[in-house]
């Protein structure tokens, strides 16, 4: 299991020469090619929508889900996340 805060800090460190982990090097290379970007670690309890969607995806039979309307619980969690200052 990874420490998400550590990953966010690693990806934010532009001057890092040797990341040691291929996926982090590739991610950083992609971010650099995109121009301006910012990574901010947000604790799970302050980002309830992402946490709920991640848990929902575990129960889906297909890797792609298209929703015409957001589930009510997601809309409710959006309000909580907004109150918690989740949005950048």
Foldseek 3Di string as FASTA:
>chain_A
DDDVVVLLVLLVPLPDDPPPDVVSVVVSVVCVVVPDDHGDDDDCVLVVLVVVVVVVCVPDPDNDDDDPDDDPVSVVVVVSNVVSVVDD
